[in-house]
Amino acid sequence: MRQSTLIILLLLLLGGQQYTFAQFNSGKLQATGLTCALCNKAIHQSLEQLSFVEKVEADIKSSSFTLTFRANNAVSPAKLKAAVEDAGFFVGELQLMGTWNQEPVERGASFVWNQQVFQFISSKTPALSKSFTCTVVGKGYLTEKSLKKIKADYSEYLKSDENIYQLLLNK
């Protein structure tokens, strides 16, 4: 019985191409639909309420928000998106910054980080122990125009599963 439990655990841990992933430490969120400073303030306050967000800095001119994440906390792109939408606005682009702690993965390979599944759709993956910036790809994380272009360029790697956060590595 003990041996079969160990085998099941190993299969769960090693099943598919799953990798552990370093933490995202910061991000940049571009919001759309803002018309005034009060709009900016509403998003700022909504983002500050997220448990994994340590600091929010707003740039009113560009309608963007620089985010600093708390160490050892799971960053949820879905919760960032929901915070902006709860304030009455939309995400135009979400970039996340972090450090990769594994060997580079194949294009399209999924990896698990803090019980969330991610996938790089770009041909380039982060190098071991290197900082990187990536853009979250998917409906609600980009403008329709940007998403359409990415779908054209990366269609073979895009999945329709909303439970997988797809990432495009920025250069």
N, C-alpha and C. Protein backbone atom coordinates (compact mmCIF):
# COMPACT_ATOMS: atom_id res chain seq x y z
N MET A 1 0.82 -1.19 0.00
CA MET A 1 0.00 0.00 0.00
C MET A 1 0.86 1.26 0.00
N ARG A 2 1.89 1.27 0.85
CA ARG A 2 2.77 2.43 0.96
C ARG A 2 3.52 2.67 -0.34
N GLN A 3 3.96 1.58 -0.99
CA GLN A 3 4.68 1.70 -2.24
C GLN A 3 3.78 2.24 -3.35
N SER A 4 2.52 1.82 -3.40
CA SER A 4 1.60 2.30 -4.44
C SER A 4 1.27 3.78 -4.23
N THR A 5 1.19 4.21 -2.97
CA THR A 5 0.96 5.63 -2.68
C THR A 5 2.14 6.46 -3.15
N LEU A 6 3.35 5.98 -2.93
CA LEU A 6 4.55 6.67 -3.36
C LEU A 6 4.59 6.75 -4.88
N ILE A 7 4.24 5.70 -5.56
CA ILE A 7 4.23 5.70 -7.02
C ILE A 7 3.21 6.69 -7.56
N ILE A 8 2.04 6.74 -6.96
CA ILE A 8 1.00 7.68 -7.38
C ILE A 8 1.49 9.12 -7.19
N LEU A 9 2.12 9.40 -6.05
CA LEU A 9 2.64 10.74 -5.81
C LEU A 9 3.70 11.12 -6.84
N LEU A 10 4.59 10.19 -7.15
CA LEU A 10 5.62 10.46 -8.15
C LEU A 10 5.00 10.73 -9.52
N LEU A 11 4.00 9.96 -9.88
CA LEU A 11 3.33 10.18 -11.17
C LEU A 11 2.65 11.54 -11.21
N LEU A 12 2.04 11.94 -10.11
CA LEU A 12 1.40 13.24 -10.06
C LEU A 12 2.42 14.37 -10.19
N LEU A 13 3.55 14.20 -9.52
CA LEU A 13 4.58 15.22 -9.57
C LEU A 13 5.31 15.28 -10.91
N LEU A 14 5.49 14.14 -11.54
CA LEU A 14 6.27 14.08 -12.76
C LEU A 14 5.42 13.97 -14.02
N GLY A 15 4.13 13.83 -13.86
CA GLY A 15 3.25 13.65 -15.01
C GLY A 15 3.28 14.84 -15.94
N GLY A 16 3.41 14.57 -17.24
CA GLY A 16 3.46 15.67 -18.22
C GLY A 16 4.75 16.44 -18.05
N GLN A 17 4.84 17.55 -18.75
CA GLN A 17 6.01 18.41 -18.61
C GLN A 17 5.64 19.54 -17.66
N GLN A 18 5.90 19.34 -16.41
CA GLN A 18 5.60 20.36 -15.43
C GLN A 18 6.89 20.72 -14.72
N TYR A 19 7.07 21.98 -14.49
CA TYR A 19 8.28 22.48 -13.87
C TYR A 19 7.91 23.39 -12.71
N THR A 20 8.78 23.46 -11.72
CA THR A 20 8.55 24.45 -10.68
C THR A 20 9.05 25.78 -11.23
N PHE A 21 8.52 26.83 -10.69
CA PHE A 21 8.76 28.13 -11.27
C PHE A 21 9.04 29.12 -10.17
N ALA A 22 9.95 30.03 -10.41
CA ALA A 22 10.23 31.07 -9.44
C ALA A 22 9.05 32.03 -9.35
N GLN A 23 9.11 32.83 -8.36
CA GLN A 23 8.03 33.77 -8.11
C GLN A 23 8.11 34.99 -9.02
N PHE A 24 6.94 35.48 -9.41
CA PHE A 24 6.89 36.78 -10.06
C PHE A 24 7.13 37.82 -8.96
N ASN A 25 7.98 38.80 -9.23
CA ASN A 25 8.26 39.80 -8.19
C ASN A 25 7.62 41.15 -8.48
N SER A 26 7.25 41.40 -9.74
CA SER A 26 6.64 42.68 -10.08
C SER A 26 5.84 42.54 -11.37
N GLY A 27 5.14 43.60 -11.70
CA GLY A 27 4.34 43.59 -12.92
C GLY A 27 3.99 44.99 -13.37
N LYS A 28 3.47 45.07 -14.56
CA LYS A 28 2.99 46.35 -15.09
C LYS A 28 1.66 46.07 -15.76
N LEU A 29 0.66 46.83 -15.38
CA LEU A 29 -0.68 46.65 -15.89
C LEU A 29 -1.12 47.92 -16.59
N GLN A 30 -1.53 47.78 -17.83
CA GLN A 30 -2.07 48.89 -18.61
C GLN A 30 -3.58 48.74 -18.57
N ALA A 31 -4.29 49.78 -18.13
CA ALA A 31 -5.75 49.73 -18.05
C ALA A 31 -6.35 50.52 -19.22
N THR A 32 -7.56 50.16 -19.61
CA THR A 32 -8.26 50.89 -20.66
C THR A 32 -9.60 51.39 -20.13
N GLY A 33 -10.10 52.44 -20.73
CA GLY A 33 -11.40 52.99 -20.37
C GLY A 33 -11.33 54.09 -19.33
N LEU A 34 -10.15 54.50 -18.92
CA LEU A 34 -10.01 55.55 -17.93
C LEU A 34 -10.21 56.93 -18.57
N THR A 35 -10.88 57.81 -17.85
CA THR A 35 -11.11 59.16 -18.37
C THR A 35 -10.63 60.25 -17.43
N CYS A 36 -10.35 59.90 -16.17
CA CYS A 36 -9.95 60.94 -15.22
C CYS A 36 -9.13 60.34 -14.08
N ALA A 37 -8.68 61.21 -13.18
CA ALA A 37 -7.88 60.77 -12.04
C ALA A 37 -8.68 59.89 -11.09
N LEU A 38 -9.98 60.10 -11.00
CA LEU A 38 -10.80 59.26 -10.13
C LEU A 38 -10.87 57.83 -10.64
N CYS A 39 -10.86 57.66 -11.96
CA CYS A 39 -10.83 56.31 -12.54
C CYS A 39 -9.54 55.60 -12.12
N ASN A 40 -8.44 56.34 -12.22
CA ASN A 40 -7.14 55.82 -11.85
C ASN A 40 -7.13 55.41 -10.37
N LYS A 41 -7.72 56.25 -9.54
CA LYS A 41 -7.77 55.99 -8.10
C LYS A 41 -8.57 54.73 -7.80
N ALA A 42 -9.67 54.52 -8.51
CA ALA A 42 -10.51 53.34 -8.29
C ALA A 42 -9.74 52.05 -8.56
N ILE A 43 -8.98 52.03 -9.66
CA ILE A 43 -8.18 50.84 -9.99
C ILE A 43 -7.07 50.67 -8.96
N HIS A 44 -6.40 51.76 -8.62
CA HIS A 44 -5.31 51.74 -7.63
C HIS A 44 -5.79 51.09 -6.33
N GLN A 45 -6.92 51.53 -5.83
CA GLN A 45 -7.46 50.99 -4.57
C GLN A 45 -7.86 49.53 -4.71
N SER A 46 -8.41 49.16 -5.84
CA SER A 46 -8.82 47.77 -6.06
C SER A 46 -7.61 46.84 -6.10
N LEU A 47 -6.54 47.27 -6.77
CA LEU A 47 -5.32 46.46 -6.84
C LEU A 47 -4.64 46.34 -5.48
N GLU A 48 -4.67 47.41 -4.70
CA GLU A 48 -4.04 47.39 -3.36
C GLU A 48 -4.69 46.38 -2.43
N GLN A 49 -5.93 46.03 -2.67
CA GLN A 49 -6.65 45.11 -1.80
C GLN A 49 -6.25 43.65 -2.01
N LEU A 50 -5.53 43.36 -3.09
CA LEU A 50 -5.12 41.97 -3.35
C LEU A 50 -4.02 41.57 -2.37
N SER A 51 -4.15 40.40 -1.79
CA SER A 51 -3.21 39.96 -0.74
C SER A 51 -1.78 39.81 -1.22
N PHE A 52 -1.58 39.52 -2.50
CA PHE A 52 -0.22 39.32 -3.01
C PHE A 52 0.43 40.61 -3.52
N VAL A 53 -0.32 41.71 -3.54
CA VAL A 53 0.21 42.99 -4.00
C VAL A 53 0.75 43.78 -2.80
N GLU A 54 2.03 44.12 -2.87
CA GLU A 54 2.66 44.89 -1.79
C GLU A 54 2.55 46.39 -2.04
N LYS A 55 2.74 46.78 -3.32
CA LYS A 55 2.79 48.22 -3.64
C LYS A 55 2.23 48.45 -5.04
N VAL A 56 1.50 49.56 -5.20
CA VAL A 56 0.96 49.96 -6.50
C VAL A 56 1.40 51.40 -6.77
N GLU A 57 2.01 51.62 -7.92
CA GLU A 57 2.37 52.97 -8.34
C GLU A 57 1.63 53.27 -9.63
N ALA A 58 0.88 54.36 -9.65
CA ALA A 58 0.07 54.71 -10.81
C ALA A 58 0.75 55.78 -11.65
N ASP A 59 0.59 55.65 -12.97
CA ASP A 59 1.03 56.68 -13.91
C ASP A 59 -0.23 57.15 -14.64
N ILE A 60 -0.76 58.27 -14.21
CA ILE A 60 -2.03 58.77 -14.73
C ILE A 60 -1.96 59.03 -16.23
N LYS A 61 -0.85 59.57 -16.72
CA LYS A 61 -0.73 59.90 -18.14
C LYS A 61 -0.86 58.69 -19.05
N SER A 62 -0.29 57.57 -18.64
CA SER A 62 -0.32 56.38 -19.49
C SER A 62 -1.37 55.35 -19.06
N SER A 63 -2.11 55.66 -18.00
CA SER A 63 -3.12 54.73 -17.45
C SER A 63 -2.50 53.38 -17.12
N SER A 64 -1.28 53.42 -16.59
CA SER A 64 -0.60 52.17 -16.24
C SER A 64 -0.29 52.13 -14.75
N PHE A 65 -0.07 50.92 -14.27
CA PHE A 65 0.19 50.69 -12.86
C PHE A 65 1.38 49.76 -12.73
N THR A 66 2.37 50.18 -11.97
CA THR A 66 3.52 49.34 -11.67
C THR A 66 3.23 48.65 -10.35
N LEU A 67 3.37 47.33 -10.36
CA LEU A 67 3.01 46.52 -9.20
C LEU A 67 4.24 45.85 -8.61
N THR A 68 4.33 45.86 -7.30
CA THR A 68 5.35 45.09 -6.59
C THR A 68 4.60 44.02 -5.81
N PHE A 69 5.04 42.77 -5.97
CA PHE A 69 4.35 41.65 -5.33
C PHE A 69 5.06 41.24 -4.05
N ARG A 70 4.30 40.76 -3.09
CA ARG A 70 4.85 40.26 -1.83
C ARG A 70 5.65 38.98 -2.10
N ALA A 71 6.76 38.86 -1.41
CA ALA A 71 7.59 37.65 -1.54
C ALA A 71 6.81 36.44 -1.05
N ASN A 72 7.03 35.32 -1.72
CA ASN A 72 6.44 34.03 -1.35
C ASN A 72 4.91 34.01 -1.38
N ASN A 73 4.32 34.80 -2.26
CA ASN A 73 2.87 34.80 -2.45
C ASN A 73 2.58 34.46 -3.90
N ALA A 74 1.56 33.67 -4.12
CA ALA A 74 1.17 33.31 -5.48
C ALA A 74 0.51 34.52 -6.15
N VAL A 75 1.03 34.89 -7.30
CA VAL A 75 0.47 35.99 -8.08
C VAL A 75 -0.56 35.40 -9.03
N SER A 76 -1.76 35.94 -9.00
CA SER A 76 -2.84 35.43 -9.83
C SER A 76 -3.21 36.46 -10.91
N PRO A 77 -2.89 36.15 -12.18
CA PRO A 77 -3.33 37.05 -13.25
C PRO A 77 -4.85 37.25 -13.25
N ALA A 78 -5.59 36.21 -12.93
CA ALA A 78 -7.05 36.30 -12.92
C ALA A 78 -7.53 37.29 -11.85
N LYS A 79 -6.88 37.30 -10.71
CA LYS A 79 -7.28 38.24 -9.65
C LYS A 79 -6.90 39.67 -10.01
N LEU A 80 -5.78 39.86 -10.70
CA LEU A 80 -5.41 41.20 -11.15
C LEU A 80 -6.46 41.72 -12.14
N LYS A 81 -6.83 40.87 -13.09
CA LYS A 81 -7.84 41.22 -14.08
C LYS A 81 -9.17 41.53 -13.40
N ALA A 82 -9.58 40.69 -12.46
CA ALA A 82 -10.84 40.88 -11.75
C ALA A 82 -10.84 42.19 -10.96
N ALA A 83 -9.71 42.55 -10.35
CA ALA A 83 -9.62 43.80 -9.59
C ALA A 83 -9.87 45.01 -10.48
N VAL A 84 -9.29 44.98 -11.68
CA VAL A 84 -9.48 46.09 -12.63
C VAL A 84 -10.94 46.12 -13.09
N GLU A 85 -11.49 44.97 -13.41
CA GLU A 85 -12.87 44.90 -13.88
C GLU A 85 -13.86 45.27 -12.77
N ASP A 86 -13.55 44.90 -11.53
CA ASP A 86 -14.41 45.28 -10.40
C ASP A 86 -14.44 46.80 -10.21
N ALA A 87 -13.37 47.47 -10.60
CA ALA A 87 -13.32 48.93 -10.52
C ALA A 87 -14.06 49.57 -11.70
N GLY A 88 -14.47 48.74 -12.68
CA GLY A 88 -15.25 49.23 -13.81
C GLY A 88 -14.46 49.47 -15.09
N PHE A 89 -13.27 48.87 -15.18
CA PHE A 89 -12.40 49.11 -16.33
C PHE A 89 -11.89 47.79 -16.91
N PHE A 90 -10.96 47.88 -17.85
CA PHE A 90 -10.45 46.68 -18.52
C PHE A 90 -8.94 46.69 -18.55
N VAL A 91 -8.36 45.49 -18.65
CA VAL A 91 -6.91 45.35 -18.80
C VAL A 91 -6.57 45.46 -20.27
N GLY A 92 -5.63 46.35 -20.60
CA GLY A 92 -5.16 46.49 -21.98
C GLY A 92 -3.90 45.68 -22.21
N GLU A 93 -3.14 45.45 -21.13
CA GLU A 93 -1.94 44.61 -21.19
C GLU A 93 -1.48 44.33 -19.77
N LEU A 94 -1.03 43.10 -19.55
CA LEU A 94 -0.49 42.70 -18.25
C LEU A 94 0.86 42.05 -18.48
N GLN A 95 1.90 42.69 -17.93
CA GLN A 95 3.25 42.15 -17.99
C GLN A 95 3.66 41.72 -16.59
N LEU A 96 4.33 40.57 -16.51
CA LEU A 96 4.83 40.06 -15.24
C LEU A 96 6.33 39.87 -15.33
N MET A 97 7.04 40.20 -14.25
CA MET A 97 8.49 40.05 -14.19
C MET A 97 8.84 39.05 -13.11
N GLY A 98 9.85 38.23 -13.37
CA GLY A 98 10.27 37.23 -12.40
C GLY A 98 11.65 36.71 -12.71
N THR A 99 12.04 35.66 -12.01
CA THR A 99 13.32 34.99 -12.24
C THR A 99 13.03 33.51 -12.45
N TRP A 100 13.57 32.95 -13.51
CA TRP A 100 13.37 31.55 -13.85
C TRP A 100 14.35 30.70 -13.08
N ASN A 101 13.87 29.65 -12.38
CA ASN A 101 14.73 28.82 -11.53
C ASN A 101 14.95 27.41 -12.05
N GLN A 102 14.60 27.16 -13.31
CA GLN A 102 14.78 25.83 -13.89
C GLN A 102 15.50 25.97 -15.22
N GLU A 103 15.89 24.84 -15.76
CA GLU A 103 16.44 24.85 -17.11
C GLU A 103 15.35 25.36 -18.06
N PRO A 104 15.74 25.94 -19.20
CA PRO A 104 14.73 26.41 -20.15
C PRO A 104 13.80 25.27 -20.57
N VAL A 105 12.56 25.61 -20.85
CA VAL A 105 11.57 24.61 -21.26
C VAL A 105 11.29 24.75 -22.76
N GLU A 106 10.74 23.70 -23.31
CA GLU A 106 10.37 23.72 -24.71
C GLU A 106 9.22 24.68 -24.94
N ARG A 107 9.18 25.23 -26.12
CA ARG A 107 8.07 26.10 -26.50
C ARG A 107 6.77 25.31 -26.38
N GLY A 108 5.79 25.90 -25.72
CA GLY A 108 4.50 25.26 -25.56
C GLY A 108 4.40 24.33 -24.37
N ALA A 109 5.52 24.08 -23.68
CA ALA A 109 5.49 23.19 -22.52
C ALA A 109 4.81 23.88 -21.34
N SER A 110 3.95 23.17 -20.66
CA SER A 110 3.26 23.72 -19.49
C SER A 110 4.11 23.50 -18.25
N PHE A 111 3.98 24.41 -17.30
CA PHE A 111 4.63 24.23 -16.01
C PHE A 111 3.69 24.75 -14.94
N VAL A 112 3.85 24.21 -13.74
CA VAL A 112 2.98 24.55 -12.63
C VAL A 112 3.75 25.42 -11.65
N TRP A 113 3.14 26.50 -11.24
CA TRP A 113 3.72 27.35 -10.21
C TRP A 113 2.59 27.76 -9.28
N ASN A 114 2.75 27.43 -8.00
CA ASN A 114 1.74 27.74 -6.98
C ASN A 114 0.34 27.33 -7.41
N GLN A 115 0.21 26.12 -7.85
CA GLN A 115 -1.06 25.50 -8.22
C GLN A 115 -1.75 26.19 -9.39
N GLN A 116 -1.00 26.91 -10.21
CA GLN A 116 -1.51 27.52 -11.43
C GLN A 116 -0.68 26.99 -12.59
N VAL A 117 -1.31 26.81 -13.73
CA VAL A 117 -0.60 26.27 -14.89
C VAL A 117 -0.28 27.42 -15.84
N PHE A 118 0.99 27.48 -16.25
CA PHE A 118 1.48 28.49 -17.18
C PHE A 118 2.08 27.80 -18.39
N GLN A 119 2.22 28.55 -19.48
CA GLN A 119 2.82 28.02 -20.71
C GLN A 119 3.44 29.17 -21.48
N PHE A 120 4.69 29.00 -21.91
CA PHE A 120 5.33 29.97 -22.79
C PHE A 120 4.96 29.64 -24.22
N ILE A 121 4.44 30.61 -24.95
CA ILE A 121 4.09 30.38 -26.35
C ILE A 121 5.16 30.93 -27.28
N SER A 122 6.08 31.72 -26.75
CA SER A 122 7.15 32.26 -27.58
C SER A 122 8.24 31.22 -27.77
N SER A 123 9.02 31.38 -28.81
CA SER A 123 10.07 30.40 -29.09
C SER A 123 11.20 30.48 -28.08
N LYS A 124 11.37 31.62 -27.50
CA LYS A 124 12.44 31.82 -26.53
C LYS A 124 11.89 31.58 -25.13
N THR A 125 12.62 30.84 -24.31
CA THR A 125 12.23 30.66 -22.91
C THR A 125 13.34 31.24 -22.04
N PRO A 126 13.02 31.57 -20.78
CA PRO A 126 14.04 32.18 -19.92
C PRO A 126 15.22 31.25 -19.69
N ALA A 127 16.38 31.84 -19.51
CA ALA A 127 17.57 31.08 -19.15
C ALA A 127 17.59 30.88 -17.64
N LEU A 128 18.28 29.87 -17.20
CA LEU A 128 18.39 29.54 -15.78
C LEU A 128 18.87 30.74 -14.98
N SER A 129 18.18 31.03 -13.89
CA SER A 129 18.51 32.11 -12.95
C SER A 129 18.53 33.49 -13.59
N LYS A 130 17.80 33.67 -14.65
CA LYS A 130 17.75 34.97 -15.32
C LYS A 130 16.41 35.64 -15.07
N SER A 131 16.44 36.95 -14.94
CA SER A 131 15.21 37.73 -14.83
C SER A 131 14.57 37.81 -16.20
N PHE A 132 13.25 37.87 -16.21
CA PHE A 132 12.55 37.97 -17.48
C PHE A 132 11.27 38.77 -17.30
N THR A 133 10.76 39.25 -18.42
CA THR A 133 9.47 39.94 -18.48
C THR A 133 8.63 39.21 -19.51
N CYS A 134 7.38 38.96 -19.18
CA CYS A 134 6.49 38.30 -20.12
C CYS A 134 5.14 38.99 -20.11
N THR A 135 4.40 38.81 -21.18
CA THR A 135 3.06 39.35 -21.31
C THR A 135 2.07 38.21 -21.21
N VAL A 136 1.03 38.40 -20.40
CA VAL A 136 -0.03 37.41 -20.28
C VAL A 136 -0.90 37.53 -21.52
N VAL A 137 -1.13 36.41 -22.20
CA VAL A 137 -1.89 36.38 -23.45
C VAL A 137 -3.24 35.75 -23.18
N GLY A 138 -4.28 36.36 -23.69
CA GLY A 138 -5.61 35.79 -23.55
C GLY A 138 -6.66 36.87 -23.52
N LYS A 139 -7.89 36.47 -23.73
CA LYS A 139 -9.00 37.40 -23.72
C LYS A 139 -9.11 38.05 -22.34
N GLY A 140 -9.15 39.36 -22.33
CA GLY A 140 -9.25 40.09 -21.08
C GLY A 140 -7.90 40.52 -20.52
N TYR A 141 -6.81 40.06 -21.12
CA TYR A 141 -5.47 40.46 -20.68
C TYR A 141 -4.77 41.36 -21.68
N LEU A 142 -5.34 41.50 -22.86
CA LEU A 142 -4.79 42.33 -23.93
C LEU A 142 -5.95 43.01 -24.65
N THR A 143 -5.64 44.07 -25.38
CA THR A 143 -6.67 44.66 -26.23
C THR A 143 -6.99 43.67 -27.34
N GLU A 144 -8.15 43.78 -27.93
CA GLU A 144 -8.56 42.88 -29.01
C GLU A 144 -7.57 42.92 -30.17
N LYS A 145 -7.08 44.12 -30.50
CA LYS A 145 -6.13 44.29 -31.60
C LYS A 145 -4.83 43.53 -31.32
N SER A 146 -4.30 43.69 -30.13
CA SER A 146 -3.05 42.99 -29.76
C SER A 146 -3.26 41.48 -29.73
N LEU A 147 -4.38 41.04 -29.18
CA LEU A 147 -4.66 39.62 -29.10
C LEU A 147 -4.79 39.01 -30.49
N LYS A 148 -5.41 39.72 -31.40
CA LYS A 148 -5.58 39.23 -32.76
C LYS A 148 -4.23 39.03 -33.44
N LYS A 149 -3.30 39.96 -33.24
CA LYS A 149 -1.96 39.84 -33.83
C LYS A 149 -1.21 38.65 -33.23
N ILE A 150 -1.29 38.49 -31.94
CA ILE A 150 -0.60 37.37 -31.29
C ILE A 150 -1.20 36.04 -31.74
N LYS A 151 -2.52 35.99 -31.88
CA LYS A 151 -3.16 34.76 -32.36
C LYS A 151 -2.66 34.40 -33.76
N ALA A 152 -2.45 35.40 -34.59
CA ALA A 152 -1.96 35.15 -35.95
C ALA A 152 -0.52 34.62 -35.91
N ASP A 153 0.30 35.17 -35.02
CA ASP A 153 1.71 34.79 -34.95
C ASP A 153 1.98 33.49 -34.19
N TYR A 154 1.12 33.15 -33.24
CA TYR A 154 1.39 32.02 -32.35
C TYR A 154 0.23 31.02 -32.29
N SER A 155 -0.58 30.96 -33.31
CA SER A 155 -1.81 30.15 -33.29
C SER A 155 -1.57 28.68 -32.94
N GLU A 156 -0.47 28.11 -33.38
CA GLU A 156 -0.25 26.69 -33.13
C GLU A 156 0.03 26.38 -31.65
N TYR A 157 0.40 27.39 -30.87
CA TYR A 157 0.71 27.16 -29.45
C TYR A 157 -0.37 27.66 -28.51
N LEU A 158 -1.32 28.41 -29.03
CA LEU A 158 -2.39 28.94 -28.18
C LEU A 158 -3.40 27.85 -27.87
N LYS A 159 -3.82 27.80 -26.63
CA LYS A 159 -4.83 26.84 -26.20
C LYS A 159 -6.06 27.62 -25.75
N SER A 160 -7.21 27.04 -25.94
CA SER A 160 -8.44 27.71 -25.54
C SER A 160 -8.78 27.47 -24.07
N ASP A 161 -7.97 26.72 -23.37
CA ASP A 161 -8.21 26.42 -21.96
C ASP A 161 -7.91 27.66 -21.11
N GLU A 162 -8.92 28.21 -20.48
CA GLU A 162 -8.74 29.42 -19.68
C GLU A 162 -8.02 29.15 -18.36
N ASN A 163 -7.79 27.87 -18.03
CA ASN A 163 -7.08 27.53 -16.81
C ASN A 163 -5.57 27.53 -16.98
N ILE A 164 -5.12 27.78 -18.21
CA ILE A 164 -3.69 27.87 -18.50
C ILE A 164 -3.36 29.33 -18.82
N TYR A 165 -2.44 29.90 -18.07
CA TYR A 165 -2.00 31.27 -18.36
C TYR A 165 -0.90 31.19 -19.39
N GLN A 166 -1.14 31.75 -20.55
CA GLN A 166 -0.17 31.70 -21.61
C GLN A 166 0.68 32.97 -21.57
N LEU A 167 1.99 32.78 -21.72
CA LEU A 167 2.95 33.87 -21.57
C LEU A 167 3.77 34.04 -22.84
N LEU A 168 3.96 35.28 -23.23
CA LEU A 168 4.80 35.63 -24.35
C LEU A 168 6.01 36.36 -23.79
N LEU A 169 7.18 35.78 -23.94
CA LEU A 169 8.38 36.38 -23.39
C LEU A 169 8.70 37.67 -24.14
N ASN A 170 8.92 38.76 -23.41
CA ASN A 170 9.27 40.03 -24.02
C ASN A 170 10.77 40.05 -24.29
N LYS A 171 11.16 40.75 -25.31
CA LYS A 171 12.58 40.82 -25.67
C LYS A 171 13.28 41.89 -24.89
